[in-house]
Amino acid sequence: MHTASPADWAAAGSLGLSAIGLIAFALAFADADLAYFDPRRLLDTDLGARLLVEAARLRDAVCDGSRDAAALVILLTTSPKGAMA
């Protein structure tokens, strides 16, 4: 098992601080109100409605696929009682 060294932790912290700094820098010089960055406006459009429908379909497909995969694993790893060996 690989453990993170102090250099790895420092690199991860530096990357996180850089990302936060970049976002803060972009927001500080943006000529827009904070409402401009509100993602809820997207949901009021046809594209937003389509995205919600597709997200729901994706969720259902993932649930169905995981259920089918679990059933397949059970079928492949068990043997019926009374089966000839």
PDB file of N, CA and C in Angstrom:
ATOM      1  N   MET A   1       0.846  -1.179   0.000  1.00  0.00           N
ATOM      2  CA  MET A   1       0.000   0.000   0.000  1.00  0.00           C
ATOM      3  C   MET A   1       0.892   1.242   0.000  1.00  0.00           C
ATOM      4  N   HIS A   2       0.590   2.171  -0.839  1.00  0.00           N
ATOM      5  CA  HIS A   2       1.388   3.383  -0.963  1.00  0.00           C
ATOM      6  C   HIS A   2       0.809   4.472  -0.064  1.00  0.00           C
ATOM      7  N   THR A   3       1.666   5.053   0.739  1.00  0.00           N
ATOM      8  CA  THR A   3       1.217   6.160   1.576  1.00  0.00           C
ATOM      9  C   THR A   3       1.715   7.461   0.979  1.00  0.00           C
ATOM     10  N   ALA A   4       0.990   8.501   1.220  1.00  0.00           N
ATOM     11  CA  ALA A   4       1.346   9.808   0.664  1.00  0.00           C
ATOM     12  C   ALA A   4       2.475  10.421   1.481  1.00  0.00           C
ATOM     13  N   SER A   5       3.455  10.919   0.774  1.00  0.00           N
ATOM     14  CA  SER A   5       4.585  11.574   1.428  1.00  0.00           C
ATOM     15  C   SER A   5       4.220  13.035   1.685  1.00  0.00           C
ATOM     16  N   PRO A   6       4.989  13.718   2.509  1.00  0.00           N
ATOM     17  CA  PRO A   6       4.733  15.145   2.716  1.00  0.00           C
ATOM     18  C   PRO A   6       4.798  15.955   1.421  1.00  0.00           C
ATOM     19  N   ALA A   7       5.642  15.524   0.489  1.00  0.00           N
ATOM     20  CA  ALA A   7       5.710  16.223  -0.803  1.00  0.00           C
ATOM     21  C   ALA A   7       4.408  16.057  -1.588  1.00  0.00           C
ATOM     22  N   ASP A   8       3.792  14.872  -1.501  1.00  0.00           N
ATOM     23  CA  ASP A   8       2.499  14.650  -2.169  1.00  0.00           C
ATOM     24  C   ASP A   8       1.424  15.537  -1.558  1.00  0.00           C
ATOM     25  N   TRP A   9       1.415  15.624  -0.231  1.00  0.00           N
ATOM     26  CA  TRP A   9       0.438  16.474   0.443  1.00  0.00           C
ATOM     27  C   TRP A   9       0.648  17.943   0.075  1.00  0.00           C
ATOM     28  N   ALA A  10       1.884  18.351  -0.003  1.00  0.00           N
ATOM     29  CA  ALA A  10       2.179  19.740  -0.368  1.00  0.00           C
ATOM     30  C   ALA A  10       1.738  20.033  -1.797  1.00  0.00           C
ATOM     31  N   ALA A  11       1.956  19.080  -2.700  1.00  0.00           N
ATOM     32  CA  ALA A  11       1.538  19.271  -4.085  1.00  0.00           C
ATOM     33  C   ALA A  11       0.016  19.371  -4.189  1.00  0.00           C
ATOM     34  N   ALA A  12      -0.692  18.512  -3.454  1.00  0.00           N
ATOM     35  CA  ALA A  12      -2.153  18.556  -3.481  1.00  0.00           C
ATOM     36  C   ALA A  12      -2.669  19.862  -2.888  1.00  0.00           C
ATOM     37  N   GLY A  13      -2.070  20.306  -1.790  1.00  0.00           N
ATOM     38  CA  GLY A  13      -2.481  21.575  -1.188  1.00  0.00           C
ATOM     39  C   GLY A  13      -2.202  22.754  -2.090  1.00  0.00           C
ATOM     40  N   SER A  14      -1.074  22.713  -2.760  1.00  0.00           N
ATOM     41  CA  SER A  14      -0.727  23.789  -3.684  1.00  0.00           C
ATOM     42  C   SER A  14      -1.708  23.834  -4.854  1.00  0.00           C
ATOM     43  N   LEU A  15      -2.070  22.682  -5.372  1.00  0.00           N
ATOM     44  CA  LEU A  15      -3.031  22.628  -6.476  1.00  0.00           C
ATOM     45  C   LEU A  15      -4.385  23.169  -6.038  1.00  0.00           C
ATOM     46  N   GLY A  16      -4.817  22.799  -4.833  1.00  0.00           N
ATOM     47  CA  GLY A  16      -6.105  23.295  -4.324  1.00  0.00           C
ATOM     48  C   GLY A  16      -6.098  24.796  -4.122  1.00  0.00           C
ATOM     49  N   LEU A  17      -5.037  25.314  -3.550  1.00  0.00           N
ATOM     50  CA  LEU A  17      -4.947  26.762  -3.349  1.00  0.00           C
ATOM     51  C   LEU A  17      -4.880  27.506  -4.674  1.00  0.00           C
ATOM     52  N   SER A  18      -4.201  26.930  -5.654  1.00  0.00           N
ATOM     53  CA  SER A  18      -4.126  27.554  -6.975  1.00  0.00           C
ATOM     54  C   SER A  18      -5.504  27.626  -7.625  1.00  0.00           C
ATOM     55  N   ALA A  19      -6.271  26.546  -7.495  1.00  0.00           N
ATOM     56  CA  ALA A  19      -7.612  26.531  -8.075  1.00  0.00           C
ATOM     57  C   ALA A  19      -8.512  27.561  -7.402  1.00  0.00           C
ATOM     58  N   ILE A  20      -8.445  27.630  -6.082  1.00  0.00           N
ATOM     59  CA  ILE A  20      -9.257  28.607  -5.354  1.00  0.00           C
ATOM     60  C   ILE A  20      -8.847  30.026  -5.728  1.00  0.00           C
ATOM     61  N   GLY A  21      -7.543  30.250  -5.837  1.00  0.00           N
ATOM     62  CA  GLY A  21      -7.049  31.575  -6.222  1.00  0.00           C
ATOM     63  C   GLY A  21      -7.479  31.962  -7.625  1.00  0.00           C
ATOM     64  N   LEU A  22      -7.464  31.007  -8.548  1.00  0.00           N
ATOM     65  CA  LEU A  22      -7.883  31.297  -9.926  1.00  0.00           C
ATOM     66  C   LEU A  22      -9.361  31.661  -9.985  1.00  0.00           C
ATOM     67  N   ILE A  23     -10.175  30.938  -9.251  1.00  0.00           N
ATOM     68  CA  ILE A  23     -11.614  31.232  -9.234  1.00  0.00           C
ATOM     69  C   ILE A  23     -11.862  32.601  -8.597  1.00  0.00           C
ATOM     70  N   ALA A  24     -11.186  32.881  -7.496  1.00  0.00           N
ATOM     71  CA  ALA A  24     -11.362  34.182  -6.835  1.00  0.00           C
ATOM     72  C   ALA A  24     -10.888  35.315  -7.745  1.00  0.00           C
ATOM     73  N   PHE A  25      -9.805  35.107  -8.449  1.00  0.00           N
ATOM     74  CA  PHE A  25      -9.287  36.124  -9.375  1.00  0.00           C
ATOM     75  C   PHE A  25     -10.284  36.385 -10.503  1.00  0.00           C
ATOM     76  N   ALA A  26     -10.864  35.306 -11.042  1.00  0.00           N
ATOM     77  CA  ALA A  26     -11.834  35.450 -12.131  1.00  0.00           C
ATOM     78  C   ALA A  26     -13.083  36.177 -11.646  1.00  0.00           C
ATOM     79  N   LEU A  27     -13.546  35.860 -10.450  1.00  0.00           N
ATOM     80  CA  LEU A  27     -14.743  36.514  -9.927  1.00  0.00           C
ATOM     81  C   LEU A  27     -14.474  37.972  -9.545  1.00  0.00           C
ATOM     82  N   ALA A  28     -13.257  38.279  -9.130  1.00  0.00           N
ATOM     83  CA  ALA A  28     -12.940  39.645  -8.725  1.00  0.00           C
ATOM     84  C   ALA A  28     -12.954  40.608  -9.908  1.00  0.00           C
ATOM     85  N   PHE A  29     -12.575  40.132 -11.075  1.00  0.00           N
ATOM     86  CA  PHE A  29     -12.494  41.003 -12.239  1.00  0.00           C
ATOM     87  C   PHE A  29     -13.633  40.802 -13.227  1.00  0.00           C
ATOM     88  N   ALA A  30     -14.625  40.019 -12.865  1.00  0.00           N
ATOM     89  CA  ALA A  30     -15.765  39.813 -13.752  1.00  0.00           C
ATOM     90  C   ALA A  30     -16.668  41.038 -13.692  1.00  0.00           C
ATOM     91  N   ASP A  31     -17.135  41.476 -14.841  1.00  0.00           N
ATOM     92  CA  ASP A  31     -18.023  42.638 -14.924  1.00  0.00           C
ATOM     93  C   ASP A  31     -19.483  42.214 -14.845  1.00  0.00           C
ATOM     94  N   ALA A  32     -19.772  41.235 -14.049  1.00  0.00           N
ATOM     95  CA  ALA A  32     -21.132  40.739 -13.959  1.00  0.00           C
ATOM     96  C   ALA A  32     -21.528  40.605 -12.496  1.00  0.00           C
ATOM     97  N   ASP A  33     -22.822  40.642 -12.290  1.00  0.00           N
ATOM     98  CA  ASP A  33     -23.349  40.440 -10.960  1.00  0.00           C
ATOM     99  C   ASP A  33     -23.235  38.952 -10.607  1.00  0.00           C
ATOM    100  N   LEU A  34     -23.297  38.622  -9.339  1.00  0.00           N
ATOM    101  CA  LEU A  34     -23.201  37.236  -8.928  1.00  0.00           C
ATOM    102  C   LEU A  34     -24.353  36.410  -9.493  1.00  0.00           C
ATOM    103  N   ALA A  35     -25.482  37.033  -9.777  1.00  0.00           N
ATOM    104  CA  ALA A  35     -26.616  36.316 -10.359  1.00  0.00           C
ATOM    105  C   ALA A  35     -26.289  35.797 -11.754  1.00  0.00           C
ATOM    106  N   TYR A  36     -25.294  36.387 -12.402  1.00  0.00           N
ATOM    107  CA  TYR A  36     -24.880  35.929 -13.723  1.00  0.00           C
ATOM    108  C   TYR A  36     -24.346  34.498 -13.659  1.00  0.00           C
ATOM    109  N   PHE A  37     -23.763  34.110 -12.533  1.00  0.00           N
ATOM    110  CA  PHE A  37     -23.184  32.791 -12.383  1.00  0.00           C
ATOM    111  C   PHE A  37     -24.166  31.784 -11.806  1.00  0.00           C
ATOM    112  N   ASP A  38     -25.439  32.142 -11.713  1.00  0.00           N
ATOM    113  CA  ASP A  38     -26.457  31.274 -11.142  1.00  0.00           C
ATOM    114  C   ASP A  38     -26.852  30.204 -12.156  1.00  0.00           C
ATOM    115  N   PRO A  39     -26.609  28.922 -11.880  1.00  0.00           N
ATOM    116  CA  PRO A  39     -26.936  27.874 -12.859  1.00  0.00           C
ATOM    117  C   PRO A  39     -28.424  27.561 -12.946  1.00  0.00           C
ATOM    118  N   ARG A  40     -29.233  28.104 -12.045  1.00  0.00           N
ATOM    119  CA  ARG A  40     -30.662  27.787 -12.080  1.00  0.00           C
ATOM    120  C   ARG A  40     -31.355  28.375 -13.305  1.00  0.00           C
ATOM    121  N   ARG A  41     -30.749  29.416 -13.913  1.00  0.00           N
ATOM    122  CA  ARG A  41     -31.370  29.995 -15.109  1.00  0.00           C
ATOM    123  C   ARG A  41     -31.368  29.005 -16.265  1.00  0.00           C
ATOM    124  N   LEU A  42     -30.400  28.099 -16.291  1.00  0.00           N
ATOM    125  CA  LEU A  42     -30.330  27.103 -17.350  1.00  0.00           C
ATOM    126  C   LEU A  42     -31.532  26.172 -17.309  1.00  0.00           C
ATOM    127  N   LEU A  43     -32.031  25.893 -16.110  1.00  0.00           N
ATOM    128  CA  LEU A  43     -33.141  24.961 -15.973  1.00  0.00           C
ATOM    129  C   LEU A  43     -34.447  25.539 -16.489  1.00  0.00           C
ATOM    130  N   ASP A  44     -34.519  26.839 -16.700  1.00  0.00           N
ATOM    131  CA  ASP A  44     -35.736  27.457 -17.216  1.00  0.00           C
ATOM    132  C   ASP A  44     -35.827  27.368 -18.733  1.00  0.00           C
ATOM    133  N   THR A  45     -34.817  26.868 -19.405  1.00  0.00           N
ATOM    134  CA  THR A  45     -34.811  26.788 -20.861  1.00  0.00           C
ATOM    135  C   THR A  45     -35.170  25.377 -21.303  1.00  0.00           C
ATOM    136  N   ASP A  46     -35.380  25.232 -22.630  1.00  0.00           N
ATOM    137  CA  ASP A  46     -35.650  23.900 -23.172  1.00  0.00           C
ATOM    138  C   ASP A  46     -34.447  22.990 -22.994  1.00  0.00           C
ATOM    139  N   LEU A  47     -33.258  23.550 -23.133  1.00  0.00           N
ATOM    140  CA  LEU A  47     -32.052  22.760 -22.942  1.00  0.00           C
ATOM    141  C   LEU A  47     -31.968  22.251 -21.507  1.00  0.00           C
ATOM    142  N   GLY A  48     -32.313  23.090 -20.561  1.00  0.00           N
ATOM    143  CA  GLY A  48     -32.300  22.674 -19.161  1.00  0.00           C
ATOM    144  C   GLY A  48     -33.284  21.556 -18.892  1.00  0.00           C
ATOM    145  N   ALA A  49     -34.471  21.649 -19.481  1.00  0.00           N
ATOM    146  CA  ALA A  49     -35.471  20.596 -19.303  1.00  0.00           C
ATOM    147  C   ALA A  49     -34.979  19.286 -19.917  1.00  0.00           C
ATOM    148  N   ARG A  50     -34.360  19.386 -21.087  1.00  0.00           N
ATOM    149  CA  ARG A  50     -33.826  18.177 -21.727  1.00  0.00           C
ATOM    150  C   ARG A  50     -32.695  17.574 -20.906  1.00  0.00           C
ATOM    151  N   LEU A  51     -31.858  18.434 -20.308  1.00  0.00           N
ATOM    152  CA  LEU A  51     -30.773  17.930 -19.472  1.00  0.00           C
ATOM    153  C   LEU A  51     -31.305  17.192 -18.256  1.00  0.00           C
ATOM    154  N   LEU A  52     -32.378  17.723 -17.659  1.00  0.00           N
ATOM    155  CA  LEU A  52     -32.971  17.049 -16.504  1.00  0.00           C
ATOM    156  C   LEU A  52     -33.550  15.695 -16.887  1.00  0.00           C
ATOM    157  N   VAL A  53     -34.207  15.625 -18.038  1.00  0.00           N
ATOM    158  CA  VAL A  53     -34.782  14.358 -18.497  1.00  0.00           C
ATOM    159  C   VAL A  53     -33.679  13.343 -18.756  1.00  0.00           C
ATOM    160  N   GLU A  54     -32.614  13.779 -19.418  1.00  0.00           N
ATOM    161  CA  GLU A  54     -31.512  12.864 -19.716  1.00  0.00           C
ATOM    162  C   GLU A  54     -30.795  12.431 -18.445  1.00  0.00           C
ATOM    163  N   ALA A  55     -30.684  13.321 -17.468  1.00  0.00           N
ATOM    164  CA  ALA A  55     -30.056  12.950 -16.194  1.00  0.00           C
ATOM    165  C   ALA A  55     -30.891  11.887 -15.478  1.00  0.00           C
ATOM    166  N   ALA A  56     -32.209  12.025 -15.533  1.00  0.00           N
ATOM    167  CA  ALA A  56     -33.085  11.023 -14.915  1.00  0.00           C
ATOM    168  C   ALA A  56     -32.973   9.687 -15.640  1.00  0.00           C
ATOM    169  N   ARG A  57     -32.895   9.734 -16.967  1.00  0.00           N
ATOM    170  CA  ARG A  57     -32.731   8.491 -17.735  1.00  0.00           C
ATOM    171  C   ARG A  57     -31.402   7.818 -17.422  1.00  0.00           C
ATOM    172  N   LEU A  58     -30.361   8.617 -17.295  1.00  0.00           N
ATOM    173  CA  LEU A  58     -29.049   8.070 -16.960  1.00  0.00           C
ATOM    174  C   LEU A  58     -29.068   7.416 -15.588  1.00  0.00           C
ATOM    175  N   ARG A  59     -29.708   8.080 -14.620  1.00  0.00           N
ATOM    176  CA  ARG A  59     -29.812   7.504 -13.277  1.00  0.00           C
ATOM    177  C   ARG A  59     -30.540   6.169 -13.319  1.00  0.00           C
ATOM    178  N   ASP A  60     -31.645   6.092 -14.073  1.00  0.00           N
ATOM    179  CA  ASP A  60     -32.397   4.841 -14.172  1.00  0.00           C
ATOM    180  C   ASP A  60     -31.576   3.754 -14.850  1.00  0.00           C
ATOM    181  N   ALA A  61     -30.827   4.127 -15.882  1.00  0.00           N
ATOM    182  CA  ALA A  61     -30.004   3.149 -16.594  1.00  0.00           C
ATOM    183  C   ALA A  61     -28.899   2.606 -15.695  1.00  0.00           C
ATOM    184  N   VAL A  62     -28.301   3.481 -14.895  1.00  0.00           N
ATOM    185  CA  VAL A  62     -27.245   3.034 -13.982  1.00  0.00           C
ATOM    186  C   VAL A  62     -27.822   2.099 -12.934  1.00  0.00           C
ATOM    187  N   CYS A  63     -28.994   2.433 -12.404  1.00  0.00           N
ATOM    188  CA  CYS A  63     -29.623   1.567 -11.399  1.00  0.00           C
ATOM    189  C   CYS A  63     -29.973   0.208 -12.004  1.00  0.00           C
ATOM    190  N   ASP A  64     -30.544   0.216 -13.210  1.00  0.00           N
ATOM    191  CA  ASP A  64     -30.895  -1.037 -13.866  1.00  0.00           C
ATOM    192  C   ASP A  64     -29.654  -1.855 -14.190  1.00  0.00           C
ATOM    193  N   GLY A  65     -28.625  -1.193 -14.662  1.00  0.00           N
ATOM    194  CA  GLY A  65     -27.392  -1.900 -15.004  1.00  0.00           C
ATOM    195  C   GLY A  65     -26.718  -2.507 -13.792  1.00  0.00           C
ATOM    196  N   SER A  66     -26.710  -1.776 -12.681  1.00  0.00           N
ATOM    197  CA  SER A  66     -26.086  -2.327 -11.472  1.00  0.00           C
ATOM    198  C   SER A  66     -26.907  -3.491 -10.923  1.00  0.00           C
ATOM    199  N   ARG A  67     -28.220  -3.405 -11.031  1.00  0.00           N
ATOM    200  CA  ARG A  67     -29.072  -4.516 -10.588  1.00  0.00           C
ATOM    201  C   ARG A  67     -28.832  -5.747 -11.453  1.00  0.00           C
ATOM    202  N   ASP A  68     -28.742  -5.549 -12.773  1.00  0.00           N
ATOM    203  CA  ASP A  68     -28.494  -6.668 -13.676  1.00  0.00           C
ATOM    204  C   ASP A  68     -27.114  -7.269 -13.449  1.00  0.00           C
ATOM    205  N   ALA A  69     -26.122  -6.420 -13.204  1.00  0.00           N
ATOM    206  CA  ALA A  69     -24.775  -6.923 -12.950  1.00  0.00           C
ATOM    207  C   ALA A  69     -24.736  -7.743 -11.652  1.00  0.00           C
ATOM    208  N   ALA A  70     -25.442  -7.283 -10.629  1.00  0.00           N
ATOM    209  CA  ALA A  70     -25.487  -8.024  -9.366  1.00  0.00           C
ATOM    210  C   ALA A  70     -26.169  -9.375  -9.561  1.00  0.00           C
ATOM    211  N   ALA A  71     -27.243  -9.407 -10.329  1.00  0.00           N
ATOM    212  CA  ALA A  71     -27.937 -10.669 -10.594  1.00  0.00           C
ATOM    213  C   ALA A  71     -27.039 -11.625 -11.380  1.00  0.00           C
ATOM    214  N   LEU A  72     -26.291 -11.105 -12.327  1.00  0.00           N
ATOM    215  CA  LEU A  72     -25.389 -11.938 -13.115  1.00  0.00           C
ATOM    216  C   LEU A  72     -24.276 -12.515 -12.244  1.00  0.00           C
ATOM    217  N   VAL A  73     -23.741 -11.705 -11.347  1.00  0.00           N
ATOM    218  CA  VAL A  73     -22.694 -12.200 -10.435  1.00  0.00           C
ATOM    219  C   VAL A  73     -23.253 -13.313  -9.555  1.00  0.00           C
ATOM    220  N   ILE A  74     -24.454 -13.137  -9.066  1.00  0.00           N
ATOM    221  CA  ILE A  74     -25.073 -14.175  -8.219  1.00  0.00           C
ATOM    222  C   ILE A  74     -25.281 -15.449  -9.025  1.00  0.00           C
ATOM    223  N   LEU A  75     -25.769 -15.314 -10.257  1.00  0.00           N
ATOM    224  CA  LEU A  75     -25.997 -16.496 -11.082  1.00  0.00           C
ATOM    225  C   LEU A  75     -24.699 -17.210 -11.435  1.00  0.00           C
ATOM    226  N   LEU A  76     -23.640 -16.465 -11.679  1.00  0.00           N
ATOM    227  CA  LEU A  76     -22.387 -17.077 -12.094  1.00  0.00           C
ATOM    228  C   LEU A  76     -21.576 -17.645 -10.938  1.00  0.00           C
ATOM    229  N   THR A  77     -21.828 -17.196  -9.727  1.00  0.00           N
ATOM    230  CA  THR A  77     -21.007 -17.664  -8.592  1.00  0.00           C
ATOM    231  C   THR A  77     -21.706 -18.670  -7.710  1.00  0.00           C
ATOM    232  N   THR A  78     -22.941 -19.001  -7.982  1.00  0.00           N
ATOM    233  CA  THR A  78     -23.631 -20.001  -7.156  1.00  0.00           C
ATOM    234  C   THR A  78     -24.002 -21.193  -8.016  1.00  0.00           C
ATOM    235  N   SER A  79     -24.141 -22.328  -7.379  1.00  0.00           N
ATOM    236  CA  SER A  79     -24.588 -23.508  -8.094  1.00  0.00           C
ATOM    237  C   SER A  79     -25.915 -23.970  -7.498  1.00  0.00           C
ATOM    238  N   PRO A  80     -26.782 -24.484  -8.322  1.00  0.00           N
ATOM    239  CA  PRO A  80     -28.087 -24.898  -7.806  1.00  0.00           C
ATOM    240  C   PRO A  80     -27.949 -26.125  -6.892  1.00  0.00           C
ATOM    241  N   LYS A  81     -28.860 -26.258  -5.950  1.00  0.00           N
ATOM    242  CA  LYS A  81     -28.837 -27.410  -5.051  1.00  0.00           C
ATOM    243  C   LYS A  81     -29.202 -28.660  -5.847  1.00  0.00           C
ATOM    244  N   GLY A  82     -28.516 -29.715  -5.551  1.00  0.00           N
ATOM    245  CA  GLY A  82     -28.806 -30.981  -6.226  1.00  0.00           C
ATOM    246  C   GLY A  82     -28.151 -31.097  -7.591  1.00  0.00           C
ATOM    247  N   ALA A  83     -27.281 -30.150  -7.932  1.00  0.00           N
ATOM    248  CA  ALA A  83     -26.596 -30.235  -9.216  1.00  0.00           C
ATOM    249  C   ALA A  83     -25.559 -31.324  -9.163  1.00  0.00           C
ATOM    250  N   MET A  84     -25.376 -31.983 -10.262  1.00  0.00           N
ATOM    251  CA  MET A  84     -24.389 -33.057 -10.311  1.00  0.00           C
ATOM    252  C   MET A  84     -22.993 -32.449 -10.350  1.00  0.00           C
ATOM    253  N   ALA A  85     -22.128 -32.997  -9.537  1.00  0.00           N
ATOM    254  CA  ALA A  85     -20.787 -32.449  -9.467  1.00  0.00           C
ATOM    255  C   ALA A  85     -19.805 -33.188 -10.291  1.00  0.00           C
TER     256      ALA A  85
END
